[in-house]
């Protein structure tokens, strides 16, 4: 019997997978010679008892179809490829196993294979890998006389699931009515979690209209973002070319502190560049913030320590003297306003009005001061005010005996 020498090779052909919207021709691997390592064992021993597993963190699971991913033009088109992490190959879901033997026309014998501990099966056409997780393939040849050639075993991990993207915020954040607020002191970390091949790229347009790969960047500072509404998309690509649906990140940047206002129910009087306030006046203190909202208002009177103030109340400063009122506010992201200060006095006294008699002549006018009796303001009543003279109508009294 003439011995036939056979050369066996394993070709992994990456087929079109519509769910990823990626078409590739041939196979791309991370090694230049595209060789695949296998182990030689007797073909007659390929059955459920001899197939082996490789220690790996991969878990067997069926890929969940989530529909096509529309990849923005700014992102490089994902390349489906075989990738080796230094221990084992990761293979895109839908890859076909193709077995070929040199100088083998199929009439001299047959190629046998066993997949995942299954029975030896004659190879007739490419075998698609349709289930995620680790697989073990054993294969070899058998000639017409039943003689087995040397056989090989190969194991790999099929990955058809894109990474799951998450984000972690650090620093000031606040949520109200379903709206997330951040500030210039906030940072964000994007993560692509992939149980199989792992995440190779993380593309985001958060900091620019163009997408940037931030898979190795770490946390991104939001200090350069403009104030207002921000919406960004982030895509993750794993090492075999699976691309995720975008993670949409939306928040409002608020870097503006609240505006503080002090009002009085009795208008102050400005005399000699000094504000005078009635000791009975009520101070209305308020603060407004159009974005994240006001968290607290703090008040200090006459240099005392600042204390939180309930703006639904009013403030009255009855003590007579000179005073200073200081107010500042903090919003829900920690933006602190400048201190609004009001200096005033409550010891206001009306100036004394003097009486002068103005006598006019043909050539001049003379001012004649008149002495008056001072009456305390708090003692003035109707009885203390002199009554007008009504009898003489401005005429001099008639002296008896005069004509």
Protein backbone atom coordinates (compact mmCIF):
# COMPACT_ATOMS: atom_id res chain seq x y z
CA UNK A 1 0.00 0.00 0.00
CA UNK A 2 1.44 3.28 -1.07
CA UNK A 3 1.69 5.79 1.72
CA UNK A 4 0.15 9.15 0.95
CA UNK A 5 1.66 12.25 2.59
CA UNK A 6 -0.91 14.89 3.39
CA UNK A 7 -0.48 18.52 4.43
CA UNK A 8 -3.35 19.77 6.60
CA UNK A 9 -4.05 23.42 7.28
CA UNK A 10 -6.85 25.28 8.95
CA UNK A 11 -8.20 28.38 7.24
CA UNK A 12 -10.52 30.68 9.13
CA UNK A 13 -12.63 32.66 6.70
CA UNK A 14 -14.43 35.65 8.21
CA UNK A 15 -17.83 35.86 6.61
CA UNK A 16 -20.19 38.81 6.28
CA UNK A 17 -22.24 39.40 9.42
CA UNK A 18 -25.08 41.82 8.68
CA UNK A 19 -25.67 42.69 12.31
CA UNK A 20 -22.33 44.49 12.39
CA UNK A 21 -22.63 46.24 9.00
CA UNK A 22 -19.05 45.21 8.24
CA UNK A 23 -17.85 43.31 5.15
CA UNK A 24 -14.37 41.80 5.19
CA UNK A 25 -12.49 39.72 2.69
CA UNK A 26 -10.27 36.92 3.91
CA UNK A 27 -8.85 36.76 7.41
CA UNK A 28 -6.93 39.34 9.41
CA UNK A 29 -4.94 38.15 12.41
CA UNK A 30 -2.59 39.84 14.80
CA UNK A 31 0.39 37.75 13.56
CA UNK A 32 2.11 38.42 10.23
CA UNK A 33 2.23 34.77 9.07
CA UNK A 34 -1.35 34.04 10.11
CA UNK A 35 -0.40 30.63 11.47
CA UNK A 36 -2.76 28.86 13.85
CA UNK A 37 -1.29 26.67 16.55
CA UNK A 38 -2.67 23.14 16.89
CA UNK A 39 -1.77 19.93 18.69
CA UNK A 40 -1.21 16.63 16.89
CA UNK A 41 -3.19 13.59 18.21
CA UNK A 42 -4.32 10.30 16.61
CA UNK A 43 -7.48 10.89 14.59
CA UNK A 44 -9.10 7.69 15.75
CA UNK A 45 -9.09 9.09 19.25
CA UNK A 46 -11.06 12.24 18.39
CA UNK A 47 -14.28 11.85 20.31
CA UNK A 48 -16.08 13.14 23.32
CA UNK A 49 -13.54 11.65 25.73
CA UNK A 50 -10.40 13.21 24.26
CA UNK A 51 -11.37 16.80 23.43
CA UNK A 52 -9.92 19.23 25.92
CA UNK A 53 -10.70 22.70 27.22
CA UNK A 54 -8.42 25.67 27.78
CA UNK A 55 -8.42 27.65 31.01
CA UNK A 56 -10.04 30.97 30.15
CA UNK A 57 -12.39 33.55 31.55
CA UNK A 58 -14.70 33.23 28.58
CA UNK A 59 -18.24 32.01 29.19
CA UNK A 60 -20.40 30.28 26.66
CA UNK A 61 -23.42 32.34 25.76
CA UNK A 62 -25.51 33.11 22.71
CA UNK A 63 -24.99 36.54 21.25
CA UNK A 64 -28.06 38.77 21.56
CA UNK A 65 -28.94 40.53 18.31
CA UNK A 66 -29.52 44.22 18.85
CA UNK A 67 -29.87 45.33 15.24
CA UNK A 68 -27.47 47.09 12.89
CA UNK A 69 -25.15 49.77 14.20
CA UNK A 70 -24.94 52.93 12.12
CA UNK A 71 -21.30 53.88 12.40
CA UNK A 72 -20.54 57.62 12.03
CA UNK A 73 -18.21 58.50 9.17
CA UNK A 74 -15.77 60.06 11.67
CA UNK A 75 -15.10 56.64 13.24
CA UNK A 76 -12.77 54.17 11.48
CA UNK A 77 -14.78 51.24 10.16
CA UNK A 78 -14.38 48.29 12.54
CA UNK A 79 -12.26 45.45 11.11
CA UNK A 80 -13.43 41.94 11.94
CA UNK A 81 -10.36 39.85 12.68
CA UNK A 82 -8.89 36.97 14.63
CA UNK A 83 -7.04 38.29 17.67
CA UNK A 84 -4.75 36.45 20.05
CA UNK A 85 -4.26 37.71 23.59
CA UNK A 86 -1.03 35.78 24.02
CA UNK A 87 -2.82 32.63 25.17
CA UNK A 88 -5.76 31.91 22.89
CA UNK A 89 -7.40 33.14 19.70
CA UNK A 90 -10.60 35.20 19.76
CA UNK A 91 -12.71 34.81 16.64
CA UNK A 92 -15.67 36.85 15.32
CA UNK A 93 -19.07 35.19 15.47
CA UNK A 94 -20.04 33.79 12.06
CA UNK A 95 -16.49 32.82 11.08
CA UNK A 96 -16.43 29.60 9.03
CA UNK A 97 -14.10 26.69 9.62
CA UNK A 98 -12.65 25.46 6.35
CA UNK A 99 -10.50 22.33 6.18
CA UNK A 100 -8.24 21.68 3.20
CA UNK A 101 -5.61 19.09 2.42
CA UNK A 102 -2.92 19.57 -0.25
CA UNK A 103 -3.19 17.20 -3.24
CA UNK A 104 -6.49 15.90 -1.88
CA UNK A 105 -9.35 15.52 -4.30
CA UNK A 106 -11.79 13.82 -1.97
CA UNK A 107 -11.71 10.54 -3.89
CA UNK A 108 -8.68 9.25 -2.02
CA UNK A 109 -10.41 9.40 1.34
CA UNK A 110 -12.09 11.92 3.61
CA UNK A 111 -11.45 14.58 6.21
CA UNK A 112 -12.99 13.96 9.61
CA UNK A 113 -13.59 16.55 12.33
CA UNK A 114 -15.13 16.78 15.78
CA UNK A 115 -16.47 20.05 17.19
CA UNK A 116 -17.07 20.58 20.90
CA UNK A 117 -16.80 16.92 21.93
CA UNK A 118 -19.14 15.78 19.17
CA UNK A 119 -18.77 12.57 17.20
CA UNK A 120 -16.30 12.47 14.30
CA UNK A 121 -18.04 13.86 11.22
CA UNK A 122 -16.98 13.87 7.59
CA UNK A 123 -16.10 17.36 6.40
CA UNK A 124 -17.98 18.35 3.25
CA UNK A 125 -18.39 22.13 3.50
CA UNK A 126 -17.31 25.07 5.68
CA UNK A 127 -18.64 24.92 9.26
CA UNK A 128 -19.91 28.25 10.67
CA UNK A 129 -19.22 29.17 14.27
CA UNK A 130 -22.63 30.36 15.43
CA UNK A 131 -22.33 30.17 19.19
CA UNK A 132 -20.26 32.35 21.47
CA UNK A 133 -17.71 30.98 23.86
CA UNK A 134 -14.81 28.55 23.75
CA UNK A 135 -14.82 25.71 21.21
CA UNK A 136 -12.52 22.76 20.58
CA UNK A 137 -11.97 21.40 17.08
CA UNK A 138 -10.21 18.15 16.25
CA UNK A 139 -9.60 17.05 12.66
CA UNK A 140 -7.64 14.64 10.49
CA UNK A 141 -7.83 12.40 7.39
CA UNK A 142 -8.80 8.82 6.66
CA UNK A 143 -7.92 7.12 3.38
CA UNK A 144 -9.92 4.56 1.40
CA UNK A 145 -8.36 1.69 3.31
CA UNK A 146 -9.37 3.14 6.71
CA UNK A 147 -5.91 4.36 7.61
CA UNK A 148 -5.83 7.48 9.80
CA UNK A 149 -3.31 10.24 9.32
CA UNK A 150 -1.97 12.53 12.00
CA UNK A 151 -4.61 14.81 13.42
CA UNK A 152 -4.67 18.16 15.11
CA UNK A 153 -6.64 19.93 17.81
CA UNK A 154 -7.35 23.65 17.89
CA UNK A 155 -9.25 25.70 20.41
CA UNK A 156 -10.47 29.27 20.25
CA UNK A 157 -13.12 31.59 21.63
CA UNK A 158 -15.96 32.94 19.53
CA UNK A 159 -16.99 36.51 20.32
CA UNK A 160 -20.07 38.07 18.77
CA UNK A 161 -21.01 40.58 21.43
CA UNK A 162 -19.87 44.19 21.43
CA UNK A 163 -18.62 45.80 24.64
CA UNK A 164 -21.08 47.32 27.08
CA UNK A 165 -20.34 51.00 27.62
CA UNK A 166 -20.73 52.68 30.98
CA UNK A 167 -19.67 56.03 32.36
CA UNK A 168 -18.54 57.10 35.79
CA UNK A 169 -18.81 60.72 36.91
CA UNK A 170 -16.49 62.20 39.51
CA UNK A 171 -16.90 65.58 41.15
CA UNK A 172 -19.96 67.82 41.47
CA UNK A 173 -23.18 66.38 40.06
CA UNK A 174 -26.83 67.10 40.70
CA UNK A 175 -30.01 65.58 39.28
CA UNK A 176 -33.43 67.22 39.24
CA UNK A 177 -36.49 66.26 37.22
CA UNK A 178 -34.47 63.74 35.27
CA UNK A 179 -31.83 66.30 34.23
CA UNK A 180 -28.18 65.75 35.15
CA UNK A 181 -26.14 68.84 36.01
CA UNK A 182 -22.34 68.98 36.10
CA UNK A 183 -19.72 71.71 36.45
CA UNK A 184 -16.20 72.53 35.30
CA UNK A 185 -14.92 70.55 38.28
CA UNK A 186 -16.63 67.34 37.11
CA UNK A 187 -14.84 64.58 35.18
CA UNK A 188 -16.19 61.54 33.35
CA UNK A 189 -14.66 58.12 32.73
CA UNK A 190 -15.96 55.94 29.90
CA UNK A 191 -15.57 52.18 30.22
CA UNK A 192 -16.14 49.43 27.71
CA UNK A 193 -16.72 46.12 29.47
CA UNK A 194 -16.29 43.00 27.34
CA UNK A 195 -16.28 39.52 28.86
CA UNK A 196 -14.55 37.96 25.89
CA UNK A 197 -11.99 39.62 23.60
CA UNK A 198 -11.98 42.91 25.48
CA UNK A 199 -12.35 46.53 24.39
CA UNK A 200 -9.84 47.88 21.86
CA UNK A 201 -11.35 51.30 21.08
CA UNK A 202 -13.64 53.82 22.77
CA UNK A 203 -14.68 56.62 20.44
CA UNK A 204 -16.46 59.67 21.86
CA UNK A 205 -17.29 63.15 20.57
CA UNK A 206 -17.82 64.58 24.05
CA UNK A 207 -15.00 67.11 23.96
CA UNK A 208 -15.10 67.87 20.25
CA UNK A 209 -17.31 67.44 17.20
CA UNK A 210 -14.77 64.89 15.96
CA UNK A 211 -14.54 61.49 17.60
CA UNK A 212 -11.47 60.66 19.69
CA UNK A 213 -10.31 57.28 20.94
CA UNK A 214 -10.23 57.53 24.75
CA UNK A 215 -9.77 53.88 25.62
CA UNK A 216 -6.43 54.69 27.32
CA UNK A 217 -7.08 58.31 28.24
CA UNK A 218 -8.67 57.84 31.64
CA UNK A 219 -11.09 60.35 33.12
CA UNK A 220 -11.97 63.33 30.93
CA UNK A 221 -12.20 66.78 32.50
CA UNK A 222 -15.31 68.80 31.62
CA UNK A 223 -13.60 72.12 32.37
CA UNK A 224 -13.46 73.19 28.70
CA UNK A 225 -17.08 72.45 27.86
CA UNK A 226 -19.39 75.43 27.28
CA UNK A 227 -22.19 76.09 29.71
CA UNK A 228 -25.58 74.66 28.81
CA UNK A 229 -26.91 71.45 27.25
CA UNK A 230 -24.37 68.84 26.12
CA UNK A 231 -25.12 65.67 24.14
CA UNK A 232 -22.43 63.20 23.10
CA UNK A 233 -22.17 59.71 21.64
CA UNK A 234 -19.66 57.02 22.58
CA UNK A 235 -18.97 53.78 20.67
CA UNK A 236 -16.92 50.78 21.79
CA UNK A 237 -15.12 48.30 19.51
CA UNK A 238 -13.65 45.04 20.76
CA UNK A 239 -10.54 43.24 19.49
CA UNK A 240 -12.45 41.13 16.96
CA UNK A 241 -14.36 44.05 15.44
CA UNK A 242 -17.71 43.99 17.24
CA UNK A 243 -19.00 47.56 17.64
CA UNK A 244 -21.55 48.64 20.21
CA UNK A 245 -24.60 50.76 19.84
CA UNK A 246 -23.76 54.27 21.06
CA UNK A 247 -24.00 55.36 24.65
CA UNK A 248 -25.75 58.73 24.55
CA UNK A 249 -24.49 61.05 27.29
CA UNK A 250 -26.60 64.11 28.06
CA UNK A 251 -26.15 66.65 30.81
CA UNK A 252 -26.20 70.38 31.55
CA UNK A 253 -23.00 72.24 32.40
CA UNK A 254 -23.51 74.88 35.11
CA UNK A 255 -20.54 77.04 36.06
CA UNK A 256 -22.50 80.14 37.09
CA UNK A 257 -23.18 80.98 40.72
CA UNK A 258 -26.58 82.26 41.87
CA UNK A 259 -27.46 85.97 41.69
CA UNK A 260 -28.19 87.54 45.09
CA UNK A 261 -30.59 90.45 45.67
CA UNK A 262 -31.44 92.54 48.76
CA UNK A 263 -34.66 94.57 48.82
CA UNK A 264 -36.45 96.64 51.52
CA UNK A 265 -40.10 97.37 52.06
CA UNK A 266 -39.19 100.94 53.09
CA UNK A 267 -36.87 102.74 50.70
CA UNK A 268 -33.59 103.90 52.24
CA UNK A 269 -32.65 107.60 52.21
CA UNK A 270 -29.28 108.74 50.91
CA UNK A 271 -27.85 111.69 52.87
CA UNK A 272 -24.25 112.81 52.50
CA UNK A 273 -23.49 109.63 50.53
CA UNK A 274 -24.65 107.47 53.42
CA UNK A 275 -27.68 105.16 53.26
CA UNK A 276 -30.13 105.56 56.10
CA UNK A 277 -32.62 102.78 56.75
CA UNK A 278 -35.61 102.83 59.01
CA UNK A 279 -35.14 100.54 62.03
CA UNK A 280 -38.56 99.15 61.19
CA UNK A 281 -37.67 98.25 57.57
CA UNK A 282 -37.83 94.61 56.52
CA UNK A 283 -35.03 93.17 54.38
CA UNK A 284 -36.13 90.74 51.65
CA UNK A 285 -33.15 88.51 50.69
CA UNK A 286 -33.36 86.31 47.60
CA UNK A 287 -31.15 84.32 45.24
CA UNK A 288 -31.83 82.94 41.76
CA UNK A 289 -30.07 80.30 39.64
CA UNK A 290 -31.42 79.39 36.19
CA UNK A 291 -29.67 76.02 35.91
CA UNK A 292 -29.04 73.68 38.85
CA UNK A 293 -30.88 75.95 41.30
CA UNK A 294 -30.06 77.54 44.65
CA UNK A 295 -28.99 75.24 47.47
CA UNK A 296 -28.34 77.70 50.32
CA UNK A 297 -28.21 81.41 51.15
CA UNK A 298 -25.89 82.64 53.89
CA UNK A 299 -26.17 85.94 55.81
CA UNK A 300 -23.82 87.88 58.09
CA UNK A 301 -24.84 90.99 60.07
CA UNK A 302 -22.14 93.35 61.35
CA UNK A 303 -19.29 90.91 60.67
CA UNK A 304 -20.80 87.95 62.51
CA UNK A 305 -20.18 84.42 61.23
CA UNK A 306 -22.22 83.57 58.13
CA UNK A 307 -25.29 81.49 58.84
CA UNK A 308 -27.84 79.81 56.58
CA UNK A 309 -30.89 81.98 55.99
CA UNK A 310 -34.41 80.95 55.04
CA UNK A 311 -35.39 83.31 52.24
CA UNK A 312 -39.07 82.79 52.95
CA UNK A 313 -38.50 84.96 56.02
CA UNK A 314 -37.60 88.63 56.26
CA UNK A 315 -34.80 90.24 58.23
CA UNK A 316 -35.27 93.26 60.56
CA UNK A 317 -32.34 95.13 62.11
CA UNK A 318 -33.82 97.31 64.86
CA UNK A 319 -30.68 98.25 66.73
CA UNK A 320 -29.88 101.93 66.24
CA UNK A 321 -26.47 102.55 64.73
CA UNK A 322 -24.32 101.78 61.75
CA UNK A 323 -24.61 98.30 60.23
CA UNK A 324 -23.33 96.06 57.46
CA UNK A 325 -25.28 93.23 55.83
CA UNK A 326 -23.44 90.58 53.77
CA UNK A 327 -25.12 87.85 51.70
CA UNK A 328 -23.88 85.08 49.39
CA UNK A 329 -25.50 82.00 47.82
CA UNK A 330 -24.42 78.52 46.70
CA UNK A 331 -26.07 76.48 43.95
CA UNK A 332 -26.56 72.70 43.88
CA UNK A 333 -23.19 72.15 42.17
CA UNK A 334 -21.22 74.19 44.69
CA UNK A 335 -20.84 77.34 42.58
CA UNK A 336 -20.45 80.17 45.12
CA UNK A 337 -21.55 83.73 44.42
CA UNK A 338 -19.63 86.86 45.28
CA UNK A 339 -20.62 88.48 48.57
CA UNK A 340 -23.27 91.15 48.18
CA UNK A 341 -22.76 93.80 50.85
CA UNK A 342 -24.95 96.68 52.03
CA UNK A 343 -23.71 99.31 54.50
CA UNK A 344 -26.28 101.57 56.15
CA UNK A 345 -27.28 103.42 59.32
CA UNK A 346 -30.44 103.30 61.35
CA UNK A 347 -29.62 106.42 63.47
CA UNK A 348 -31.11 108.83 61.00
CA UNK A 349 -32.16 112.22 62.43
CA UNK A 350 -33.99 114.91 60.53
CA UNK A 351 -31.94 118.11 60.21
CA UNK A 352 -33.14 121.13 62.20
CA UNK A 353 -34.87 123.80 60.06
CA UNK A 354 -34.07 127.39 60.98
CA UNK A 355 -36.41 130.39 60.55
CA UNK A 356 -35.29 133.57 58.81
CA UNK A 357 -37.31 136.71 58.06
CA UNK A 358 -36.38 138.07 54.70
CA UNK A 359 -36.88 141.86 54.49
CA UNK A 360 -36.55 143.40 51.04
CA UNK A 361 -35.69 147.06 50.32
CA UNK A 362 -35.13 148.87 47.07
CA UNK A 363 -31.42 148.25 47.22
CA UNK A 364 -31.04 145.03 49.19
CA UNK A 365 -32.66 142.16 51.05
CA UNK A 366 -31.94 141.47 54.70
CA UNK A 367 -32.19 138.03 56.36
CA UNK A 368 -33.25 138.40 60.00
CA UNK A 369 -32.81 135.26 62.15
CA UNK A 370 -35.61 134.52 64.55
CA UNK A 371 -35.21 132.65 67.80
CA UNK A 372 -37.65 129.80 68.26
CA UNK A 373 -38.52 127.42 71.05
CA UNK A 374 -37.35 123.85 70.34
CA UNK A 375 -39.89 121.16 71.05
CA UNK A 376 -38.85 117.46 71.04
CA UNK A 377 -40.38 115.65 68.08
CA UNK A 378 -41.90 112.97 70.23
CA UNK A 379 -43.80 115.58 72.30
CA UNK A 380 -45.44 117.42 69.43
CA UNK A 381 -49.21 117.22 69.70
CA UNK A 382 -52.12 119.40 68.68
CA UNK A 383 -52.03 121.10 72.10
CA UNK A 384 -48.37 122.11 71.82
CA UNK A 385 -48.75 123.80 68.46
CA UNK A 386 -49.72 127.50 68.91
CA UNK A 387 -53.21 128.34 67.65
CA UNK A 388 -53.46 131.04 64.96
CA UNK A 389 -54.69 134.56 65.86
CA UNK A 390 -58.17 134.97 64.50
CA UNK A 391 -59.62 138.19 66.15
CA UNK A 392 -57.62 141.12 64.85
CA UNK A 393 -57.32 139.88 61.26
CA UNK A 394 -53.82 141.30 61.25
CA UNK A 395 -54.86 144.78 62.62
CA UNK A 396 -53.24 146.48 65.63
CA UNK A 397 -55.40 146.51 68.83
CA UNK A 398 -57.25 149.74 69.60
CA UNK A 399 -55.91 151.45 72.76
CA UNK A 400 -58.68 152.80 74.88
CA UNK A 401 -58.77 156.67 74.86
CA UNK A 402 -57.17 156.91 71.41
CA UNK A 403 -59.07 158.16 68.43
